[in-house]
Amino acid sequence: MAFRQALKLAVCGLAGGSAAVLFSAVAVGKPRGMGAGDPEPRWAGPEAPAWAERLRPGPCNGVWDSNWDKREPRSLINLRKRSVETGEEEIATKLDNFKARATRHIFLIRHSQYNSDGCLDKDRTLTELGREQAELTGCRLASLGIKFDKIVHSSMTRAIETTDIISKYLPGVNRISTDLLREGAPIEPDPPVSEWKPEARQYYEDGARIEAAFRNFIHRADAKQEEDSYEIFVCHANVIRYIVCRALQFPPEGWLRMSLNNGSITHLVIRPSGRVALRTLGDSGFMPPEKITRT
């Protein structure tokens, strides 16, 4: 029906001398790339996560969500409680009080090479090369001349040991350990890979935790923060790749299309407006070629 109406419109447009309407008619009906036999998107129906709504075909697909972290001023105040006397003036004041003013710089560091033969996490310690990589990463971070505010690291052994070495180059920087940043399976990748197929339960459990890590650590600055902050997060490849996809509002299923070297640095910038930029992804150019690994 939609196509017939569009075709009728095209005929009328051509009669009036407008050939451009014909091309508009071709696109009516289904989104580009969605044919009659094409499958529905992975996330569809009432069970789809809120952040996956934009993955559905529609006019809003691909549009940046400026309130992705739910920290826009208007989402932090109750507009129903505005004063009848002051009206919009009071709202403007409240909005200004909740407005972010500082920029957050997020440095995501992948742990160094570790002994993958260990059966338990405590046995998966850094290799000798891994310790050298951590030294190089720490030296690189120190050479930036930045006053880092804190180091948040995964509670897994390889991340702790990587942080221990990096911290030698950044004396006085506060350290925080968290289970949220532990390695896991964030979401089923698309396209799938044959050599790595976790059980559905692992996606269910790890995915919720890693999504919680994203929501807890990746957001615009608090309104009370007056100066730009520089924060280091030492964690794992799957976690970092998922965070990058979510922060840039790319389809999170594409996380496995990226690759990160051990000890590499990924730099995200979150502006007061909520806009996010990726400065570097998996930078390891500060390491000699013979020291670079991806295990």
Protein backbone atom coordinates (compact mmCIF):
# COMPACT_ATOMS: atom_id res chain seq x y z
CA MET A 1 0.00 0.00 0.00
CA ALA A 2 2.78 2.41 0.92
CA PHE A 3 4.53 1.71 -2.37
CA ARG A 4 1.36 2.33 -4.39
CA GLN A 5 0.80 5.66 -2.68
CA ALA A 6 4.41 6.62 -3.26
CA LEU A 7 4.18 5.61 -6.91
CA LYS A 8 1.04 7.73 -7.32
CA LEU A 9 2.92 10.63 -5.75
CA ALA A 10 5.81 10.07 -8.13
CA VAL A 11 3.51 10.19 -11.15
CA CYS A 12 2.01 13.45 -9.94
CA GLY A 13 5.46 14.82 -9.33
CA LEU A 14 6.63 13.88 -12.81
CA ALA A 15 3.56 15.52 -14.26
CA GLY A 16 4.58 18.70 -12.48
CA GLY A 17 8.12 18.46 -13.87
CA SER A 18 9.83 17.07 -10.77
CA ALA A 19 11.89 13.98 -11.51
CA ALA A 20 13.37 13.90 -7.97
CA VAL A 21 10.11 12.59 -6.50
CA LEU A 22 10.50 9.33 -8.39
CA PHE A 23 13.72 8.54 -6.59
CA SER A 24 12.07 9.28 -3.25
CA ALA A 25 9.33 6.79 -4.03
CA VAL A 26 11.81 3.95 -4.44
CA ALA A 27 12.92 4.25 -0.81
CA VAL A 28 9.43 4.16 0.69
CA GLY A 29 8.29 0.97 2.43
CA LYS A 30 11.41 -0.70 3.91
CA PRO A 31 14.65 0.77 5.22
CA ARG A 32 17.63 0.61 2.90
CA GLY A 33 19.12 -2.87 2.83
CA MET A 34 15.98 -4.50 4.27
CA GLY A 35 14.31 -6.64 1.64
CA ALA A 36 11.19 -8.75 2.00
CA GLY A 37 13.25 -11.84 2.83
CA ASP A 38 15.75 -10.15 5.14
CA PRO A 39 15.82 -11.32 8.78
CA GLU A 40 14.76 -9.05 11.60
CA PRO A 41 17.56 -7.36 13.62
CA ARG A 42 19.01 -9.36 16.51
CA TRP A 43 17.31 -7.11 19.07
CA ALA A 44 13.62 -6.90 18.36
CA GLY A 45 10.45 -7.05 20.40
CA PRO A 46 9.62 -6.01 23.96
CA GLU A 47 12.64 -7.84 25.42
CA ALA A 48 15.16 -5.63 23.58
CA PRO A 49 17.44 -3.61 25.90
CA ALA A 50 16.75 0.13 26.02
CA TRP A 51 20.14 0.92 24.50
CA ALA A 52 19.40 -1.38 21.53
CA GLU A 53 16.29 0.50 20.43
CA ARG A 54 18.26 2.53 17.91
CA LEU A 55 19.41 -0.66 16.16
CA ARG A 56 15.93 -1.21 14.82
CA PRO A 57 15.21 0.09 11.31
CA GLY A 58 13.51 3.45 11.36
CA PRO A 59 13.99 7.17 10.87
CA CYS A 60 16.06 7.46 14.10
CA ASN A 61 18.57 4.75 13.17
CA GLY A 62 22.05 6.22 13.29
CA VAL A 63 21.04 9.40 15.12
CA TRP A 64 23.23 10.36 18.09
CA ASP A 65 21.49 10.07 21.45
CA SER A 66 22.71 13.12 23.38
CA ASN A 67 21.29 11.75 26.64
CA TRP A 68 22.92 8.33 26.33
CA ASP A 69 24.24 8.48 29.91
CA LYS A 70 20.99 9.88 31.34
CA ARG A 71 22.92 12.89 32.67
CA GLU A 72 21.50 15.69 30.55
CA PRO A 73 20.33 18.44 32.95
CA ARG A 74 16.66 18.07 31.97
CA SER A 75 16.73 14.39 32.91
CA LEU A 76 18.15 15.18 36.37
CA ILE A 77 15.45 17.56 37.60
CA ASN A 78 11.72 17.20 38.14
CA LEU A 79 10.12 19.70 35.78
CA ARG A 80 6.71 19.13 37.40
CA LYS A 81 7.88 20.86 40.58
CA ARG A 82 8.65 24.21 38.98
CA SER A 83 7.44 27.29 40.82
CA VAL A 84 4.33 29.00 39.45
CA GLU A 85 5.82 32.36 40.35
CA THR A 86 9.29 32.07 38.83
CA GLY A 87 8.41 29.59 36.07
CA GLU A 88 11.04 29.22 33.35
CA GLU A 89 13.60 31.32 35.21
CA GLU A 90 13.76 28.81 38.04
CA ILE A 91 14.06 25.95 35.56
CA ALA A 92 16.94 27.70 33.81
CA THR A 93 18.75 28.09 37.13
CA LYS A 94 18.24 24.44 38.05
CA LEU A 95 19.38 23.29 34.62
CA ASP A 96 22.56 25.33 34.97
CA ASN A 97 23.26 23.74 38.34
CA PHE A 98 23.14 20.26 36.80
CA LYS A 99 25.16 21.14 33.70
CA ALA A 100 28.55 19.44 33.31
CA ARG A 101 31.50 21.78 32.77
CA ALA A 102 34.52 19.51 32.70
CA THR A 103 35.84 16.97 30.20
CA ARG A 104 36.70 13.40 31.16
CA HIS A 105 39.66 11.64 29.54
CA ILE A 106 39.38 7.86 29.82
CA PHE A 107 42.53 5.79 29.21
CA LEU A 108 41.65 2.11 28.76
CA ILE A 109 44.72 -0.10 29.14
CA ARG A 110 44.71 -3.74 28.16
CA HIS A 111 46.71 -5.94 30.55
CA SER A 112 50.09 -7.28 29.44
CA GLN A 113 50.85 -10.78 28.16
CA TYR A 114 50.14 -13.47 30.74
CA ASN A 115 50.51 -17.20 31.27
CA SER A 116 47.39 -18.51 29.55
CA ASP A 117 48.13 -22.11 30.60
CA GLY A 118 47.15 -21.43 34.20
CA CYS A 119 44.01 -23.23 35.30
CA LEU A 120 43.01 -20.69 37.95
CA ASP A 121 43.11 -16.92 37.78
CA LYS A 122 45.84 -16.75 40.44
CA ASP A 123 48.04 -18.90 38.17
CA ARG A 124 47.61 -16.61 35.16
CA THR A 125 50.42 -14.27 36.03
CA LEU A 126 52.32 -12.01 33.66
CA THR A 127 55.08 -13.55 31.55
CA GLU A 128 58.54 -11.98 31.49
CA LEU A 129 57.60 -10.30 28.21
CA GLY A 130 54.34 -9.17 29.78
CA ARG A 131 56.23 -7.44 32.57
CA GLU A 132 58.39 -5.67 29.99
CA GLN A 133 55.25 -4.55 28.17
CA ALA A 134 53.80 -3.10 31.36
CA GLU A 135 57.03 -1.19 31.95
CA LEU A 136 56.78 0.29 28.45
CA THR A 137 53.12 1.22 28.98
CA GLY A 138 53.87 2.86 32.31
CA CYS A 139 56.75 4.79 30.79
CA ARG A 140 54.50 5.94 27.95
CA LEU A 141 51.78 7.17 30.29
CA ALA A 142 54.33 9.04 32.41
CA SER A 143 55.83 10.68 29.32
CA LEU A 144 52.48 12.31 28.48
CA GLY A 145 53.01 14.77 31.32
CA ILE A 146 49.45 14.33 32.55
CA LYS A 147 48.38 14.48 36.17
CA PHE A 148 46.23 11.37 36.38
CA ASP A 149 43.41 11.38 38.92
CA LYS A 150 43.06 7.65 39.56
CA ILE A 151 43.68 4.14 38.32
CA VAL A 152 40.74 1.74 38.30
CA HIS A 153 41.68 -1.85 37.58
CA SER A 154 40.10 -5.26 37.17
CA SER A 155 40.43 -7.60 40.14
CA MET A 156 41.92 -10.35 37.94
CA THR A 157 45.57 -11.27 38.54
CA ARG A 158 46.93 -10.16 35.16
CA ALA A 159 45.28 -6.75 35.51
CA ILE A 160 46.52 -6.31 39.09
CA GLU A 161 50.10 -7.15 38.13
CA THR A 162 49.95 -4.81 35.12
CA THR A 163 48.69 -2.04 37.41
CA ASP A 164 51.46 -2.74 39.94
CA ILE A 165 54.09 -2.03 37.31
CA ILE A 166 52.33 0.96 35.73
CA SER A 167 51.86 2.54 39.16
CA LYS A 168 55.63 2.74 39.65
CA TYR A 169 55.68 5.37 36.91
CA LEU A 170 52.71 7.26 38.34
CA PRO A 171 53.49 7.65 42.05
CA GLY A 172 50.74 9.00 44.26
CA VAL A 173 47.88 8.11 41.92
CA ASN A 174 45.06 6.44 43.85
CA ARG A 175 44.20 2.84 42.89
CA ILE A 176 40.74 1.24 42.94
CA SER A 177 40.00 -2.45 42.32
CA THR A 178 36.65 -3.61 40.93
CA ASP A 179 35.07 -6.89 39.87
CA LEU A 180 32.97 -5.09 37.24
CA LEU A 181 35.95 -4.84 34.88
CA ARG A 182 36.80 -8.56 34.95
CA GLU A 183 37.08 -10.28 31.57
CA GLY A 184 34.01 -11.97 30.11
CA ALA A 185 31.67 -12.38 27.17
CA PRO A 186 29.82 -9.04 26.80
CA ILE A 187 27.39 -9.88 24.00
CA GLU A 188 27.18 -12.43 21.20
CA PRO A 189 29.37 -11.07 18.39
CA ASP A 190 28.10 -10.44 14.88
CA PRO A 191 29.39 -11.97 12.69
CA PRO A 192 29.92 -15.00 14.91
CA VAL A 193 33.28 -16.75 15.15
CA SER A 194 33.75 -20.50 15.09
CA GLU A 195 36.74 -20.69 17.44
CA TRP A 196 35.05 -18.96 20.39
CA LYS A 197 31.52 -19.88 21.41
CA PRO A 198 30.64 -19.26 25.07
CA GLU A 199 27.41 -20.68 26.43
CA ALA A 200 24.33 -18.48 26.43
CA ARG A 201 24.46 -18.34 30.22
CA GLN A 202 27.91 -16.74 30.10
CA TYR A 203 26.65 -13.95 27.84
CA TYR A 204 23.72 -13.47 30.19
CA GLU A 205 25.89 -13.19 33.30
CA ASP A 206 28.98 -11.43 31.93
CA GLY A 207 26.99 -9.16 29.65
CA ALA A 208 25.01 -7.67 32.52
CA ARG A 209 28.17 -7.09 34.55
CA ILE A 210 30.14 -5.49 31.71
CA GLU A 211 27.17 -3.30 30.81
CA ALA A 212 27.06 -2.26 34.47
CA ALA A 213 30.76 -1.35 34.24
CA PHE A 214 30.04 0.83 31.22
CA ARG A 215 27.18 2.64 32.94
CA ASN A 216 29.11 3.08 36.16
CA PHE A 217 32.41 4.36 34.72
CA ILE A 218 31.65 5.81 31.28
CA HIS A 219 29.60 9.01 31.42
CA ARG A 220 30.02 12.77 31.28
CA ALA A 221 31.52 14.58 34.26
CA ASP A 222 29.48 15.39 37.33
CA ALA A 223 28.27 18.98 37.55
CA LYS A 224 30.41 19.49 40.68
CA GLN A 225 33.60 18.58 38.78
CA GLU A 226 35.36 21.85 37.94
CA GLU A 227 38.52 20.65 36.20
CA ASP A 228 39.11 18.13 33.42
CA SER A 229 39.95 14.65 34.70
CA TYR A 230 42.36 11.99 33.44
CA GLU A 231 41.51 8.45 34.53
CA ILE A 232 43.17 5.13 33.79
CA PHE A 233 41.27 1.83 33.59
CA VAL A 234 43.37 -1.33 33.41
CA CYS A 235 41.25 -4.22 32.24
CA HIS A 236 40.70 -6.63 29.33
CA ALA A 237 40.28 -6.72 25.57
CA ASN A 238 36.62 -7.81 25.50
CA VAL A 239 35.64 -5.21 28.09
CA ILE A 240 37.49 -2.39 26.31
CA ARG A 241 36.10 -3.23 22.87
CA TYR A 242 32.56 -3.39 24.19
CA ILE A 243 32.97 -0.08 26.02
CA VAL A 244 34.27 1.59 22.86
CA CYS A 245 31.27 0.39 20.84
CA ARG A 246 28.81 1.54 23.50
CA ALA A 247 30.51 4.90 24.04
CA LEU A 248 30.51 5.69 20.32
CA GLN A 249 26.96 4.34 19.96
CA PHE A 250 28.08 1.73 17.45
CA PRO A 251 26.27 -1.65 17.36
CA PRO A 252 27.75 -3.42 20.41
CA GLU A 253 27.66 -6.78 18.59
CA GLY A 254 30.60 -5.49 16.50
CA TRP A 255 33.05 -5.52 19.41
CA LEU A 256 34.93 -8.58 18.14
CA ARG A 257 35.74 -6.87 14.84
CA MET A 258 38.46 -4.93 16.66
CA SER A 259 41.79 -6.23 17.94
CA LEU A 260 43.89 -4.90 20.83
CA ASN A 261 47.53 -5.59 21.62
CA ASN A 262 48.72 -6.36 25.13
CA GLY A 263 49.55 -3.20 27.08
CA SER A 264 47.91 -1.00 24.46
CA ILE A 265 46.28 2.35 25.22
CA THR A 266 42.77 3.36 24.12
CA HIS A 267 41.83 7.00 24.77
CA LEU A 268 38.19 8.13 24.98
CA VAL A 269 37.14 11.75 25.55
CA ILE A 270 33.73 12.64 27.00
CA ARG A 271 32.76 16.30 26.63
CA PRO A 272 30.40 18.19 28.96
CA SER A 273 27.77 18.04 26.21
CA GLY A 274 27.90 14.24 26.30
CA ARG A 275 29.66 13.96 22.98
CA VAL A 276 32.29 11.23 22.83
CA ALA A 277 35.46 11.06 20.74
CA LEU A 278 37.95 8.25 20.27
CA ARG A 279 41.49 9.70 20.30
CA THR A 280 43.35 6.40 20.01
CA LEU A 281 42.35 2.73 19.75
CA GLY A 282 44.79 0.10 20.96
CA ASP A 283 47.89 2.27 20.59
CA SER A 284 51.07 0.24 21.07
CA GLY A 285 53.35 2.21 18.77
CA PHE A 286 55.55 3.05 21.74
CA MET A 287 56.65 -0.61 21.93
CA PRO A 288 59.40 -2.17 19.79
CA PRO A 289 57.89 -4.55 17.19
CA GLU A 290 59.41 -7.60 18.89
CA LYS A 291 57.59 -6.74 22.15
CA ILE A 292 54.09 -6.57 20.63
CA THR A 293 51.65 -9.44 21.28
CA ARG A 294 47.89 -9.99 21.30
CA THR A 295 47.54 -13.06 23.54
